[in-house]
Amino acid sequence: LAANPLNKMPILLLPDGTSLPESEVISQYLLDKHGGGMQAATPELRAVAALAARVHDQYITPIQACMYRKMEAAERAALLQQLVKQIDVLEGICVGPYIAGSDMTTGDSALFPTFVFFTYILPRYFGWRDVFAGRPKLAAWWELMQQDVHVKRVFNEVTGGLEKWSSNNRWSELGISQQLQQHSEHKWVYP
């Protein structure tokens, strides 16, 4: 809380003690500090990348805990429905082959770790057949992203953390697995 009064992740702590919250702020700082890359070719495509990052930070990050935190069934179901809506919004935003065209951008880097959560948790614990069903642009984006060596490292790191949660029975310990089974009045599986 001292490092980030918003009490949210991610946060980048600079050597002088300054803390930078929010993925887009961190991305832009790193681009400015180290120069180049991760920028779309045109102002229009840069706007698409910024929009994708903004949707992630403003609409997905605040509700993604419905996949892994303790809460009432009705709240979880409502947040999960909102999550589905935001994934569909991203499908509409995606230009392809990356989020904002032919270059990997900060929009891609903001979204990818969260999609690791989606693809790990939603099929295993919520019973989704395919996170990308009916979302062909995001499906192609996901496959393309995983071909990058740096992205593979992020995938492995995030997946490793999720596997630890799984081996510690997080979803059972928090009552999430039982909740999903006992509350069939709510929709858990999409599409």
N, C-alpha and C. Protein backbone atom coordinates (compact mmCIF):
# COMPACT_ATOMS: atom_id res chain seq x y z
N LEU A 1 0.83 -1.19 0.00
CA LEU A 1 0.00 0.00 0.00
C LEU A 1 0.87 1.26 0.00
N ALA A 2 2.00 1.17 0.67
CA ALA A 2 2.90 2.33 0.68
C ALA A 2 3.46 2.60 -0.71
N ALA A 3 3.75 1.55 -1.46
CA ALA A 3 4.30 1.70 -2.80
C ALA A 3 3.24 2.15 -3.79
N ASN A 4 2.01 1.70 -3.60
CA ASN A 4 0.93 2.05 -4.51
C ASN A 4 -0.34 2.30 -3.71
N PRO A 5 -0.70 3.56 -3.49
CA PRO A 5 -1.91 3.87 -2.74
C PRO A 5 -3.18 3.29 -3.35
N LEU A 6 -3.14 2.96 -4.63
CA LEU A 6 -4.29 2.34 -5.28
C LEU A 6 -4.44 0.88 -4.87
N ASN A 7 -3.37 0.33 -4.27
CA ASN A 7 -3.35 -1.06 -3.81
C ASN A 7 -3.65 -2.04 -4.95
N LYS A 8 -3.04 -1.78 -6.11
CA LYS A 8 -3.24 -2.63 -7.28
C LYS A 8 -1.90 -2.98 -7.90
N MET A 9 -1.93 -4.05 -8.67
CA MET A 9 -0.77 -4.48 -9.43
C MET A 9 -1.07 -4.19 -10.90
N PRO A 10 -0.10 -4.03 -11.73
CA PRO A 10 1.32 -4.07 -11.45
C PRO A 10 1.83 -2.74 -10.93
N ILE A 11 3.05 -2.78 -10.44
CA ILE A 11 3.73 -1.58 -10.00
C ILE A 11 5.21 -1.75 -10.31
N LEU A 12 5.84 -0.68 -10.75
CA LEU A 12 7.28 -0.67 -11.01
C LEU A 12 7.92 0.27 -10.01
N LEU A 13 8.85 -0.25 -9.21
CA LEU A 13 9.59 0.58 -8.27
C LEU A 13 10.89 1.00 -8.92
N LEU A 14 11.09 2.30 -9.02
CA LEU A 14 12.29 2.84 -9.63
C LEU A 14 13.41 2.91 -8.59
N PRO A 15 14.67 2.96 -9.04
CA PRO A 15 15.80 3.00 -8.09
C PRO A 15 15.73 4.14 -7.08
N ASP A 16 15.11 5.26 -7.45
CA ASP A 16 15.03 6.39 -6.52
C ASP A 16 13.86 6.27 -5.55
N GLY A 17 13.13 5.14 -5.62
CA GLY A 17 12.01 4.92 -4.71
C GLY A 17 10.66 5.32 -5.27
N THR A 18 10.65 5.97 -6.43
CA THR A 18 9.39 6.35 -7.07
C THR A 18 8.65 5.08 -7.49
N SER A 19 7.35 5.06 -7.28
CA SER A 19 6.56 3.92 -7.72
C SER A 19 5.66 4.35 -8.88
N LEU A 20 5.63 3.50 -9.90
CA LEU A 20 4.78 3.75 -11.06
C LEU A 20 3.72 2.64 -11.13
N PRO A 21 2.45 2.97 -10.90
CA PRO A 21 1.39 1.98 -11.07
C PRO A 21 0.83 2.00 -12.48
N GLU A 22 0.04 1.00 -12.81
CA GLU A 22 -0.69 0.89 -14.07
C GLU A 22 0.21 0.44 -15.22
N SER A 23 -0.24 -0.59 -15.89
CA SER A 23 0.58 -1.21 -16.95
C SER A 23 0.92 -0.24 -18.08
N GLU A 24 -0.02 0.60 -18.48
CA GLU A 24 0.25 1.52 -19.59
C GLU A 24 1.30 2.56 -19.18
N VAL A 25 1.21 3.04 -17.94
CA VAL A 25 2.20 4.00 -17.45
C VAL A 25 3.58 3.35 -17.40
N ILE A 26 3.64 2.14 -16.91
CA ILE A 26 4.91 1.41 -16.83
C ILE A 26 5.47 1.18 -18.23
N SER A 27 4.61 0.74 -19.15
CA SER A 27 5.06 0.49 -20.52
C SER A 27 5.62 1.75 -21.16
N GLN A 28 4.91 2.85 -21.02
CA GLN A 28 5.37 4.09 -21.63
C GLN A 28 6.68 4.57 -21.00
N TYR A 29 6.81 4.42 -19.69
CA TYR A 29 8.05 4.80 -19.02
C TYR A 29 9.22 3.98 -19.58
N LEU A 30 9.03 2.66 -19.68
CA LEU A 30 10.12 1.80 -20.18
C LEU A 30 10.47 2.13 -21.62
N LEU A 31 9.46 2.44 -22.43
CA LEU A 31 9.74 2.85 -23.82
C LEU A 31 10.53 4.15 -23.85
N ASP A 32 10.12 5.11 -23.04
CA ASP A 32 10.84 6.39 -23.00
C ASP A 32 12.26 6.21 -22.47
N LYS A 33 12.41 5.39 -21.47
CA LYS A 33 13.70 5.20 -20.82
C LYS A 33 14.68 4.45 -21.72
N HIS A 34 14.18 3.41 -22.39
CA HIS A 34 15.07 2.53 -23.14
C HIS A 34 14.91 2.65 -24.65
N GLY A 35 13.96 3.45 -25.08
CA GLY A 35 13.82 3.79 -26.49
C GLY A 35 13.19 2.71 -27.36
N GLY A 36 12.46 3.20 -28.33
CA GLY A 36 11.95 2.40 -29.44
C GLY A 36 11.10 1.21 -29.11
N GLY A 37 10.64 0.59 -30.16
CA GLY A 37 9.90 -0.65 -30.09
C GLY A 37 8.53 -0.53 -29.45
N MET A 38 7.76 -1.57 -29.61
CA MET A 38 6.44 -1.73 -29.00
C MET A 38 5.46 -0.62 -29.38
N GLN A 39 5.71 0.04 -30.49
CA GLN A 39 4.82 1.10 -30.97
C GLN A 39 4.26 0.71 -32.34
N ALA A 40 2.98 0.94 -32.52
CA ALA A 40 2.37 0.69 -33.82
C ALA A 40 2.85 1.74 -34.83
N ALA A 41 2.71 1.43 -36.10
CA ALA A 41 3.29 2.25 -37.17
C ALA A 41 2.60 3.59 -37.40
N THR A 42 1.31 3.69 -37.10
CA THR A 42 0.58 4.92 -37.40
C THR A 42 -0.11 5.44 -36.13
N PRO A 43 -0.49 6.71 -36.13
CA PRO A 43 -1.24 7.23 -34.97
C PRO A 43 -2.54 6.47 -34.72
N GLU A 44 -3.20 6.06 -35.79
CA GLU A 44 -4.45 5.32 -35.66
C GLU A 44 -4.23 3.97 -34.98
N LEU A 45 -3.18 3.27 -35.39
CA LEU A 45 -2.89 1.97 -34.77
C LEU A 45 -2.34 2.14 -33.36
N ARG A 46 -1.61 3.21 -33.10
CA ARG A 46 -1.17 3.48 -31.72
C ARG A 46 -2.38 3.73 -30.82
N ALA A 47 -3.40 4.38 -31.38
CA ALA A 47 -4.63 4.59 -30.62
C ALA A 47 -5.33 3.26 -30.32
N VAL A 48 -5.31 2.34 -31.26
CA VAL A 48 -5.89 1.02 -31.04
C VAL A 48 -5.14 0.31 -29.91
N ALA A 49 -3.81 0.36 -29.94
CA ALA A 49 -3.00 -0.27 -28.88
C ALA A 49 -3.31 0.36 -27.53
N ALA A 50 -3.41 1.69 -27.50
CA ALA A 50 -3.72 2.39 -26.25
C ALA A 50 -5.11 2.02 -25.75
N LEU A 51 -6.06 1.89 -26.68
CA LEU A 51 -7.43 1.53 -26.30
C LEU A 51 -7.46 0.12 -25.70
N ALA A 52 -6.76 -0.81 -26.31
CA ALA A 52 -6.71 -2.18 -25.78
C ALA A 52 -6.14 -2.19 -24.37
N ALA A 53 -5.04 -1.46 -24.17
CA ALA A 53 -4.44 -1.38 -22.83
C ALA A 53 -5.40 -0.72 -21.84
N ARG A 54 -6.11 0.28 -22.29
CA ARG A 54 -7.05 0.99 -21.42
C ARG A 54 -8.22 0.09 -21.04
N VAL A 55 -8.77 -0.64 -22.00
CA VAL A 55 -9.85 -1.59 -21.70
C VAL A 55 -9.36 -2.60 -20.66
N HIS A 56 -8.14 -3.08 -20.86
CA HIS A 56 -7.57 -4.02 -19.90
C HIS A 56 -7.50 -3.40 -18.51
N ASP A 57 -6.87 -2.24 -18.42
CA ASP A 57 -6.63 -1.63 -17.11
C ASP A 57 -7.90 -1.15 -16.42
N GLN A 58 -8.84 -0.61 -17.19
CA GLN A 58 -10.03 -0.01 -16.59
C GLN A 58 -11.19 -0.98 -16.41
N TYR A 59 -11.31 -1.97 -17.30
CA TYR A 59 -12.50 -2.80 -17.29
C TYR A 59 -12.24 -4.27 -16.96
N ILE A 60 -11.06 -4.78 -17.27
CA ILE A 60 -10.78 -6.19 -17.00
C ILE A 60 -10.07 -6.38 -15.67
N THR A 61 -9.02 -5.63 -15.43
CA THR A 61 -8.26 -5.81 -14.19
C THR A 61 -9.14 -5.71 -12.94
N PRO A 62 -10.07 -4.75 -12.86
CA PRO A 62 -10.87 -4.66 -11.63
C PRO A 62 -11.82 -5.84 -11.41
N ILE A 63 -12.12 -6.62 -12.44
CA ILE A 63 -13.10 -7.70 -12.28
C ILE A 63 -12.51 -9.10 -12.46
N GLN A 64 -11.26 -9.21 -12.88
CA GLN A 64 -10.71 -10.53 -13.18
C GLN A 64 -10.59 -11.41 -11.94
N ALA A 65 -10.63 -10.81 -10.76
CA ALA A 65 -10.55 -11.60 -9.52
C ALA A 65 -11.74 -12.55 -9.37
N CYS A 66 -12.78 -12.36 -10.16
CA CYS A 66 -13.91 -13.30 -10.10
C CYS A 66 -13.47 -14.71 -10.44
N MET A 67 -12.33 -14.86 -11.06
CA MET A 67 -11.82 -16.19 -11.40
C MET A 67 -11.09 -16.84 -10.24
N TYR A 68 -10.61 -16.07 -9.25
CA TYR A 68 -9.70 -16.67 -8.28
C TYR A 68 -9.79 -16.15 -6.84
N ARG A 69 -10.71 -15.25 -6.54
CA ARG A 69 -10.88 -14.77 -5.16
C ARG A 69 -12.22 -15.20 -4.59
N LYS A 70 -12.28 -15.25 -3.28
CA LYS A 70 -13.51 -15.61 -2.59
C LYS A 70 -14.52 -14.48 -2.72
N MET A 71 -15.75 -14.83 -3.08
CA MET A 71 -16.86 -13.87 -3.17
C MET A 71 -18.15 -14.65 -3.27
N GLU A 72 -19.25 -13.97 -3.11
CA GLU A 72 -20.56 -14.60 -3.21
C GLU A 72 -20.80 -15.06 -4.66
N ALA A 73 -21.59 -16.11 -4.80
CA ALA A 73 -21.85 -16.70 -6.12
C ALA A 73 -22.47 -15.69 -7.09
N ALA A 74 -23.45 -14.93 -6.63
CA ALA A 74 -24.12 -13.97 -7.52
C ALA A 74 -23.15 -12.91 -8.01
N GLU A 75 -22.27 -12.44 -7.13
CA GLU A 75 -21.27 -11.44 -7.53
C GLU A 75 -20.30 -12.05 -8.53
N ARG A 76 -19.84 -13.27 -8.27
CA ARG A 76 -18.92 -13.95 -9.19
C ARG A 76 -19.55 -14.10 -10.57
N ALA A 77 -20.80 -14.54 -10.60
CA ALA A 77 -21.48 -14.75 -11.88
C ALA A 77 -21.64 -13.44 -12.65
N ALA A 78 -21.99 -12.36 -11.94
CA ALA A 78 -22.16 -11.06 -12.59
C ALA A 78 -20.83 -10.54 -13.14
N LEU A 79 -19.76 -10.70 -12.36
CA LEU A 79 -18.45 -10.25 -12.82
C LEU A 79 -17.95 -11.10 -13.97
N LEU A 80 -18.22 -12.39 -13.92
CA LEU A 80 -17.82 -13.28 -15.02
C LEU A 80 -18.53 -12.87 -16.31
N GLN A 81 -19.79 -12.51 -16.21
CA GLN A 81 -20.54 -12.04 -17.38
C GLN A 81 -19.92 -10.76 -17.94
N GLN A 82 -19.50 -9.85 -17.06
CA GLN A 82 -18.82 -8.63 -17.50
C GLN A 82 -17.48 -8.96 -18.15
N LEU A 83 -16.77 -9.93 -17.61
CA LEU A 83 -15.49 -10.35 -18.17
C LEU A 83 -15.66 -10.85 -19.60
N VAL A 84 -16.69 -11.65 -19.80
CA VAL A 84 -17.00 -12.15 -21.14
C VAL A 84 -17.26 -10.99 -22.09
N LYS A 85 -18.01 -10.01 -21.63
CA LYS A 85 -18.30 -8.83 -22.46
C LYS A 85 -17.01 -8.11 -22.85
N GLN A 86 -16.10 -7.95 -21.91
CA GLN A 86 -14.85 -7.25 -22.19
C GLN A 86 -13.95 -8.04 -23.14
N ILE A 87 -13.96 -9.36 -23.03
CA ILE A 87 -13.21 -10.17 -24.00
C ILE A 87 -13.78 -9.95 -25.40
N ASP A 88 -15.10 -9.88 -25.49
CA ASP A 88 -15.74 -9.60 -26.78
C ASP A 88 -15.40 -8.20 -27.29
N VAL A 89 -15.31 -7.24 -26.38
CA VAL A 89 -14.89 -5.89 -26.77
C VAL A 89 -13.49 -5.95 -27.37
N LEU A 90 -12.60 -6.69 -26.74
CA LEU A 90 -11.24 -6.81 -27.26
C LEU A 90 -11.22 -7.48 -28.64
N GLU A 91 -12.09 -8.45 -28.85
CA GLU A 91 -12.19 -9.07 -30.18
C GLU A 91 -12.53 -8.01 -31.21
N GLY A 92 -13.42 -7.10 -30.87
CA GLY A 92 -13.79 -6.02 -31.79
C GLY A 92 -12.68 -5.00 -32.01
N ILE A 93 -11.88 -4.78 -30.99
CA ILE A 93 -10.77 -3.83 -31.09
C ILE A 93 -9.62 -4.40 -31.91
N CYS A 94 -9.37 -5.68 -31.77
CA CYS A 94 -8.20 -6.33 -32.39
C CYS A 94 -8.20 -6.15 -33.90
N VAL A 95 -7.09 -5.60 -34.41
CA VAL A 95 -6.91 -5.38 -35.84
C VAL A 95 -6.35 -6.63 -36.49
N GLY A 96 -5.39 -7.27 -35.81
CA GLY A 96 -4.73 -8.45 -36.32
C GLY A 96 -3.54 -8.10 -37.19
N PRO A 97 -2.54 -8.90 -37.27
CA PRO A 97 -2.41 -10.14 -36.51
C PRO A 97 -2.14 -9.90 -35.03
N TYR A 98 -1.47 -8.78 -34.68
CA TYR A 98 -1.37 -8.37 -33.28
C TYR A 98 -2.57 -7.49 -32.98
N ILE A 99 -2.68 -7.03 -31.76
CA ILE A 99 -3.84 -6.22 -31.38
C ILE A 99 -3.99 -5.00 -32.27
N ALA A 100 -2.88 -4.35 -32.58
CA ALA A 100 -2.93 -3.10 -33.36
C ALA A 100 -2.17 -3.21 -34.67
N GLY A 101 -2.32 -4.32 -35.36
CA GLY A 101 -1.70 -4.44 -36.67
C GLY A 101 -0.52 -5.38 -36.70
N SER A 102 0.46 -5.04 -37.53
CA SER A 102 1.56 -5.97 -37.83
C SER A 102 2.69 -5.95 -36.82
N ASP A 103 2.64 -5.05 -35.83
CA ASP A 103 3.71 -4.96 -34.84
C ASP A 103 3.19 -5.23 -33.44
N MET A 104 3.99 -5.90 -32.63
CA MET A 104 3.65 -6.09 -31.23
C MET A 104 3.79 -4.74 -30.52
N THR A 105 2.79 -4.41 -29.71
CA THR A 105 2.75 -3.10 -29.05
C THR A 105 2.53 -3.26 -27.55
N THR A 106 2.48 -2.11 -26.89
CA THR A 106 2.17 -2.11 -25.46
C THR A 106 0.77 -2.67 -25.20
N GLY A 107 -0.12 -2.56 -26.16
CA GLY A 107 -1.45 -3.17 -26.01
C GLY A 107 -1.34 -4.67 -25.86
N ASP A 108 -0.50 -5.28 -26.67
CA ASP A 108 -0.28 -6.73 -26.58
C ASP A 108 0.33 -7.11 -25.24
N SER A 109 1.32 -6.32 -24.82
CA SER A 109 2.01 -6.66 -23.57
C SER A 109 1.10 -6.46 -22.36
N ALA A 110 0.16 -5.55 -22.43
CA ALA A 110 -0.80 -5.38 -21.33
C ALA A 110 -1.75 -6.55 -21.25
N LEU A 111 -2.21 -7.04 -22.39
CA LEU A 111 -3.23 -8.08 -22.42
C LEU A 111 -2.70 -9.49 -22.17
N PHE A 112 -1.51 -9.78 -22.65
CA PHE A 112 -1.07 -11.17 -22.67
C PHE A 112 -1.08 -11.86 -21.31
N PRO A 113 -0.49 -11.29 -20.26
CA PRO A 113 -0.50 -12.01 -18.97
C PRO A 113 -1.92 -12.32 -18.47
N THR A 114 -2.84 -11.41 -18.70
CA THR A 114 -4.22 -11.65 -18.27
C THR A 114 -4.84 -12.79 -19.07
N PHE A 115 -4.50 -12.89 -20.34
CA PHE A 115 -5.01 -14.00 -21.13
C PHE A 115 -4.40 -15.33 -20.71
N VAL A 116 -3.22 -15.30 -20.12
CA VAL A 116 -2.68 -16.53 -19.53
C VAL A 116 -3.60 -16.97 -18.40
N PHE A 117 -4.02 -16.03 -17.56
CA PHE A 117 -4.99 -16.35 -16.51
C PHE A 117 -6.26 -16.94 -17.12
N PHE A 118 -6.80 -16.28 -18.14
CA PHE A 118 -8.04 -16.76 -18.76
C PHE A 118 -7.89 -18.20 -19.26
N THR A 119 -6.82 -18.45 -20.02
CA THR A 119 -6.67 -19.76 -20.65
C THR A 119 -6.31 -20.85 -19.65
N TYR A 120 -5.77 -20.48 -18.52
CA TYR A 120 -5.46 -21.47 -17.49
C TYR A 120 -6.68 -21.75 -16.61
N ILE A 121 -7.31 -20.70 -16.12
CA ILE A 121 -8.36 -20.84 -15.10
C ILE A 121 -9.72 -21.21 -15.69
N LEU A 122 -10.14 -20.52 -16.73
CA LEU A 122 -11.52 -20.69 -17.21
C LEU A 122 -11.81 -22.11 -17.71
N PRO A 123 -10.93 -22.75 -18.47
CA PRO A 123 -11.21 -24.14 -18.84
C PRO A 123 -11.11 -25.11 -17.65
N ARG A 124 -10.10 -24.97 -16.82
CA ARG A 124 -9.88 -25.91 -15.71
C ARG A 124 -10.93 -25.83 -14.62
N TYR A 125 -11.30 -24.64 -14.24
CA TYR A 125 -12.15 -24.47 -13.06
C TYR A 125 -13.58 -24.05 -13.37
N PHE A 126 -13.79 -23.42 -14.50
CA PHE A 126 -15.13 -22.95 -14.84
C PHE A 126 -15.76 -23.79 -15.95
N GLY A 127 -14.99 -24.66 -16.58
CA GLY A 127 -15.53 -25.57 -17.57
C GLY A 127 -15.65 -25.04 -18.98
N TRP A 128 -14.97 -23.91 -19.26
CA TRP A 128 -15.04 -23.38 -20.62
C TRP A 128 -14.35 -24.34 -21.58
N ARG A 129 -14.96 -24.55 -22.72
CA ARG A 129 -14.36 -25.38 -23.76
C ARG A 129 -13.20 -24.66 -24.42
N ASP A 130 -13.42 -23.37 -24.72
CA ASP A 130 -12.41 -22.60 -25.46
C ASP A 130 -12.62 -21.12 -25.19
N VAL A 131 -11.65 -20.48 -24.58
CA VAL A 131 -11.73 -19.05 -24.28
C VAL A 131 -11.92 -18.25 -25.57
N PHE A 132 -11.41 -18.77 -26.68
CA PHE A 132 -11.42 -18.02 -27.94
C PHE A 132 -12.57 -18.42 -28.88
N ALA A 133 -13.50 -19.24 -28.41
CA ALA A 133 -14.64 -19.64 -29.24
C ALA A 133 -15.41 -18.39 -29.69
N GLY A 134 -15.60 -18.26 -31.00
CA GLY A 134 -16.29 -17.10 -31.55
C GLY A 134 -15.46 -15.83 -31.56
N ARG A 135 -14.18 -15.98 -31.29
CA ARG A 135 -13.26 -14.83 -31.26
C ARG A 135 -12.04 -15.14 -32.12
N PRO A 136 -12.20 -15.19 -33.42
CA PRO A 136 -11.10 -15.63 -34.29
C PRO A 136 -9.89 -14.70 -34.29
N LYS A 137 -10.11 -13.41 -34.16
CA LYS A 137 -8.95 -12.49 -34.17
C LYS A 137 -8.12 -12.68 -32.90
N LEU A 138 -8.78 -12.82 -31.76
CA LEU A 138 -8.04 -13.06 -30.52
C LEU A 138 -7.38 -14.43 -30.52
N ALA A 139 -8.02 -15.42 -31.11
CA ALA A 139 -7.42 -16.77 -31.20
C ALA A 139 -6.13 -16.71 -32.02
N ALA A 140 -6.17 -16.03 -33.16
CA ALA A 140 -4.97 -15.90 -34.00
C ALA A 140 -3.90 -15.09 -33.28
N TRP A 141 -4.32 -14.03 -32.58
CA TRP A 141 -3.39 -13.21 -31.79
C TRP A 141 -2.70 -14.05 -30.73
N TRP A 142 -3.46 -14.86 -30.01
CA TRP A 142 -2.92 -15.72 -28.95
C TRP A 142 -1.86 -16.67 -29.50
N GLU A 143 -2.15 -17.28 -30.62
CA GLU A 143 -1.18 -18.20 -31.23
C GLU A 143 0.08 -17.46 -31.67
N LEU A 144 -0.08 -16.31 -32.28
CA LEU A 144 1.07 -15.52 -32.73
C LEU A 144 1.92 -15.06 -31.55
N MET A 145 1.30 -14.57 -30.50
CA MET A 145 2.03 -14.08 -29.34
C MET A 145 2.92 -15.16 -28.74
N GLN A 146 2.42 -16.36 -28.70
CA GLN A 146 3.18 -17.45 -28.06
C GLN A 146 4.41 -17.88 -28.86
N GLN A 147 4.57 -17.37 -30.06
CA GLN A 147 5.74 -17.70 -30.86
C GLN A 147 6.96 -16.85 -30.49
N ASP A 148 6.74 -15.76 -29.76
CA ASP A 148 7.82 -14.86 -29.37
C ASP A 148 8.55 -15.41 -28.14
N VAL A 149 9.87 -15.42 -28.17
CA VAL A 149 10.66 -15.99 -27.08
C VAL A 149 10.43 -15.25 -25.77
N HIS A 150 10.30 -13.94 -25.79
CA HIS A 150 10.08 -13.17 -24.57
C HIS A 150 8.68 -13.41 -24.01
N VAL A 151 7.73 -13.52 -24.90
CA VAL A 151 6.35 -13.80 -24.49
C VAL A 151 6.27 -15.21 -23.89
N LYS A 152 7.00 -16.15 -24.46
CA LYS A 152 7.02 -17.51 -23.89
C LYS A 152 7.51 -17.48 -22.45
N ARG A 153 8.49 -16.63 -22.17
CA ARG A 153 9.00 -16.52 -20.80
C ARG A 153 7.91 -16.00 -19.86
N VAL A 154 7.18 -14.99 -20.30
CA VAL A 154 6.06 -14.47 -19.51
C VAL A 154 5.02 -15.56 -19.30
N PHE A 155 4.69 -16.28 -20.37
CA PHE A 155 3.72 -17.36 -20.28
C PHE A 155 4.16 -18.38 -19.22
N ASN A 156 5.41 -18.78 -19.27
CA ASN A 156 5.92 -19.78 -18.32
C ASN A 156 5.91 -19.26 -16.89
N GLU A 157 6.28 -18.01 -16.69
CA GLU A 157 6.29 -17.43 -15.34
C GLU A 157 4.88 -17.34 -14.76
N VAL A 158 3.95 -16.83 -15.54
CA VAL A 158 2.58 -16.69 -15.05
C VAL A 158 1.96 -18.07 -14.84
N THR A 159 2.16 -18.97 -15.78
CA THR A 159 1.63 -20.32 -15.64
C THR A 159 2.21 -21.01 -14.41
N GLY A 160 3.49 -20.81 -14.16
CA GLY A 160 4.12 -21.39 -12.97
C GLY A 160 3.43 -20.92 -11.70
N GLY A 161 3.12 -19.64 -11.61
CA GLY A 161 2.40 -19.12 -10.45
C GLY A 161 1.01 -19.71 -10.33
N LEU A 162 0.33 -19.84 -11.45
CA LEU A 162 -1.02 -20.44 -11.43
C LEU A 162 -0.97 -21.91 -11.05
N GLU A 163 0.07 -22.60 -11.50
CA GLU A 163 0.22 -24.01 -11.13
C GLU A 163 0.46 -24.17 -9.63
N LYS A 164 1.18 -23.22 -9.03
CA LYS A 164 1.37 -23.24 -7.57
C LYS A 164 0.03 -23.06 -6.87
N TRP A 165 -0.76 -22.10 -7.35
CA TRP A 165 -2.10 -21.93 -6.78
C TRP A 165 -2.88 -23.23 -6.88
N SER A 166 -2.80 -23.85 -8.05
CA SER A 166 -3.54 -25.09 -8.28
C SER A 166 -3.06 -26.20 -7.36
N SER A 167 -1.75 -26.35 -7.23
CA SER A 167 -1.22 -27.41 -6.36
C SER A 167 -1.55 -27.16 -4.89
N ASN A 168 -1.80 -25.89 -4.53
CA ASN A 168 -2.23 -25.55 -3.17
C ASN A 168 -3.75 -25.59 -3.02
N ASN A 169 -4.43 -26.10 -4.05
CA ASN A 169 -5.89 -26.25 -4.03
C ASN A 169 -6.63 -24.93 -3.79
N ARG A 170 -6.14 -23.87 -4.38
CA ARG A 170 -6.72 -22.54 -4.15
C ARG A 170 -8.23 -22.52 -4.40
N TRP A 171 -8.67 -23.09 -5.49
CA TRP A 171 -10.08 -22.99 -5.86
C TRP A 171 -10.97 -23.79 -4.91
N SER A 172 -10.46 -24.87 -4.37
CA SER A 172 -11.21 -25.62 -3.35
C SER A 172 -11.13 -24.94 -2.00
N GLU A 173 -9.92 -24.51 -1.63
CA GLU A 173 -9.72 -23.87 -0.32
C GLU A 173 -10.58 -22.62 -0.17
N LEU A 174 -10.77 -21.88 -1.25
CA LEU A 174 -11.59 -20.68 -1.19
C LEU A 174 -13.08 -20.96 -1.45
N GLY A 175 -13.41 -22.23 -1.69
CA GLY A 175 -14.79 -22.60 -1.91
C GLY A 175 -15.31 -22.31 -3.31
N ILE A 176 -14.43 -21.94 -4.20
CA ILE A 176 -14.86 -21.57 -5.55
C ILE A 176 -15.36 -22.80 -6.31
N SER A 177 -14.61 -23.89 -6.26
CA SER A 177 -15.03 -25.11 -6.98
C SER A 177 -16.39 -25.58 -6.50
N GLN A 178 -16.59 -25.58 -5.19
CA GLN A 178 -17.87 -26.01 -4.63
C GLN A 178 -18.99 -25.04 -5.03
N GLN A 179 -18.68 -23.77 -5.01
CA GLN A 179 -19.67 -22.75 -5.38
C GLN A 179 -20.16 -22.96 -6.81
N LEU A 180 -19.23 -23.24 -7.71
CA LEU A 180 -19.60 -23.44 -9.11
C LEU A 180 -20.50 -24.66 -9.27
N GLN A 181 -20.26 -25.69 -8.47
CA GLN A 181 -21.09 -26.90 -8.54
C GLN A 181 -22.45 -26.70 -7.89
N GLN A 182 -22.51 -25.94 -6.81
CA GLN A 182 -23.73 -25.81 -6.02
C GLN A 182 -24.67 -24.73 -6.54
N HIS A 183 -24.19 -23.85 -7.37
CA HIS A 183 -25.01 -22.72 -7.83
C HIS A 183 -25.26 -22.79 -9.33
N SER A 184 -26.00 -23.80 -9.73
CA SER A 184 -26.30 -23.99 -11.15
C SER A 184 -27.29 -22.95 -11.68
N GLU A 185 -27.85 -22.13 -10.79
CA GLU A 185 -28.73 -21.06 -11.25
C GLU A 185 -27.97 -19.95 -11.96
N HIS A 186 -26.64 -19.97 -11.81
CA HIS A 186 -25.78 -18.98 -12.47
C HIS A 186 -25.10 -19.60 -13.67
N LYS A 187 -24.76 -18.75 -14.60
CA LYS A 187 -24.03 -19.21 -15.78
C LYS A 187 -22.54 -19.09 -15.50
N TRP A 188 -21.83 -20.21 -15.63
CA TRP A 188 -20.39 -20.25 -15.41
C TRP A 188 -19.62 -20.54 -16.69
N VAL A 189 -20.23 -21.23 -17.62
CA VAL A 189 -19.56 -21.67 -18.84
C VAL A 189 -20.00 -20.80 -20.00
N TYR A 190 -19.04 -20.23 -20.68
CA TYR A 190 -19.31 -19.41 -21.87
C TYR A 190 -18.50 -19.98 -23.00
N PRO A 191 -18.85 -19.82 -24.24
CA PRO A 191 -20.08 -19.21 -24.73
C PRO A 191 -21.27 -20.13 -24.55
